[in-house]
Amino acid sequence: MELVLPLNHVELEQEEMMYLDGGRGASPTLHWWGARWTMTAAQSRLFQHQLNMYSIGAATAAGVSGFLGALPVAIGSALAGGVAQVWRASVAHNTTSRGVVFNLTWAGAFWTRRR
Protein backbone atom coordinates (compact mmCIF):
# COMPACT_ATOMS: atom_id res chain seq x y z
CA MET A 1 0.00 0.00 0.00
CA GLU A 2 1.39 3.39 -0.97
CA LEU A 3 0.66 6.70 0.74
CA VAL A 4 -0.54 9.30 -1.74
CA LEU A 5 -0.80 12.93 -0.62
CA PRO A 6 -3.17 15.42 -2.25
CA LEU A 7 -1.67 18.05 -4.54
CA ASN A 8 -2.46 20.89 -2.14
CA HIS A 9 -0.69 19.38 0.92
CA VAL A 10 1.69 21.52 2.97
CA GLU A 11 4.81 20.15 4.64
CA LEU A 12 5.60 21.63 8.04
CA GLU A 13 8.68 21.34 10.22
CA GLN A 14 8.31 20.30 13.87
CA GLU A 15 8.85 23.88 15.10
CA GLU A 16 6.13 25.14 12.77
CA MET A 17 3.76 22.42 14.00
CA MET A 18 4.42 23.31 17.64
CA TYR A 19 3.72 26.97 16.85
CA LEU A 20 0.44 26.11 15.13
CA ASP A 21 -0.59 23.64 17.87
CA GLY A 22 0.25 26.07 20.65
CA GLY A 23 3.32 24.19 21.83
CA ARG A 24 3.59 21.27 24.21
CA GLY A 25 2.89 23.17 27.40
CA ALA A 26 3.06 26.56 28.96
CA SER A 27 6.16 27.73 30.81
CA PRO A 28 5.67 29.79 33.94
CA THR A 29 6.74 33.40 34.28
CA LEU A 30 8.12 33.87 37.78
CA HIS A 31 7.23 36.97 39.82
CA TRP A 32 7.89 38.05 43.40
CA TRP A 33 4.38 36.94 44.38
CA GLY A 34 4.43 33.57 42.56
CA ALA A 35 4.14 32.29 39.00
CA ARG A 36 1.94 33.00 35.98
CA TRP A 37 1.13 30.63 33.14
CA THR A 38 -0.22 32.29 29.97
CA MET A 39 -1.71 29.48 27.88
CA THR A 40 -3.30 29.15 24.49
CA ALA A 41 -6.54 27.18 24.22
CA ALA A 42 -4.60 24.03 23.21
CA GLN A 43 -2.19 24.41 26.11
CA SER A 44 -5.14 24.97 28.44
CA ARG A 45 -6.73 21.69 27.33
CA LEU A 46 -3.42 19.89 27.91
CA PHE A 47 -3.09 21.50 31.37
CA GLN A 48 -6.64 20.46 32.26
CA HIS A 49 -5.90 16.90 31.15
CA GLN A 50 -2.71 16.82 33.23
CA LEU A 51 -4.56 18.11 36.30
CA ASN A 52 -7.29 15.53 35.78
CA MET A 53 -4.73 12.71 35.55
CA TYR A 54 -2.97 14.01 38.67
CA SER A 55 -6.22 14.04 40.63
CA ILE A 56 -7.01 10.47 39.50
CA GLY A 57 -3.58 9.37 40.72
CA ALA A 58 -4.05 11.20 44.01
CA ALA A 59 -7.46 9.60 44.51
CA THR A 60 -5.97 6.18 43.82
CA ALA A 61 -3.16 6.84 46.31
CA ALA A 62 -5.72 8.01 48.88
CA GLY A 63 -7.78 4.86 48.42
CA VAL A 64 -4.83 2.48 48.63
CA SER A 65 -3.21 4.21 51.61
CA GLY A 66 -6.58 4.42 53.38
CA PHE A 67 -7.09 0.71 52.80
CA LEU A 68 -3.64 0.01 54.24
CA GLY A 69 -4.34 2.17 57.29
CA ALA A 70 -2.06 5.13 56.52
CA LEU A 71 -4.71 7.77 57.20
CA PRO A 72 -2.43 10.87 57.13
CA VAL A 73 -1.22 9.89 53.66
CA ALA A 74 -4.78 9.17 52.55
CA ILE A 75 -6.02 12.56 53.77
CA GLY A 76 -3.11 14.41 52.12
CA SER A 77 -3.61 12.61 48.83
CA ALA A 78 -7.34 13.28 48.86
CA LEU A 79 -6.77 17.00 49.52
CA ALA A 80 -4.16 17.23 46.74
CA GLY A 81 -6.54 15.59 44.28
CA GLY A 82 -9.33 17.95 45.32
CA VAL A 83 -7.13 21.02 44.83
CA ALA A 84 -6.15 19.78 41.36
CA GLN A 85 -9.84 19.44 40.44
CA VAL A 86 -10.61 22.97 41.69
CA TRP A 87 -7.74 24.33 39.58
CA ARG A 88 -8.94 22.34 36.55
CA ALA A 89 -12.49 23.62 36.91
CA SER A 90 -11.29 27.23 37.22
CA VAL A 91 -9.07 26.92 34.14
CA ALA A 92 -11.86 25.23 32.17
CA HIS A 93 -14.37 27.92 33.15
CA ASN A 94 -12.11 30.80 32.06
CA THR A 95 -10.63 29.31 28.87
CA THR A 96 -11.65 31.13 25.71
CA SER A 97 -10.57 30.63 22.11
CA ARG A 98 -7.57 32.84 22.95
CA GLY A 99 -6.61 30.84 26.04
CA VAL A 100 -6.35 31.53 29.75
CA VAL A 101 -3.98 33.01 32.33
CA PHE A 102 -3.39 30.94 35.49
CA ASN A 103 -1.71 32.61 38.48
CA LEU A 104 -0.40 30.79 41.55
CA THR A 105 1.13 32.48 44.60
CA TRP A 106 3.86 31.03 46.78
CA ALA A 107 1.25 30.67 49.57
CA GLY A 108 -0.92 28.45 47.37
CA ALA A 109 -3.64 30.97 46.46
CA PHE A 110 -4.60 31.02 42.78
CA TRP A 111 -6.76 32.89 40.30
CA THR A 112 -7.47 32.64 36.61
CA ARG A 113 -8.57 35.15 34.04
CA ARG A 114 -9.59 35.05 30.42
CA ARG A 115 -6.95 35.88 27.89
Foldseek 3Di string as FASTA:
>chain_A
DDDDDDPPDDDDDPVVVCVVQFHDEFDWDADPFGTKTFGALNNLVVLLVVLQVQLVVLCVQLVVCVVVPVNVSNVVSNVSSVLSVVQSVQLVVAQDNGGKMWTAGPVGDIHIHHD
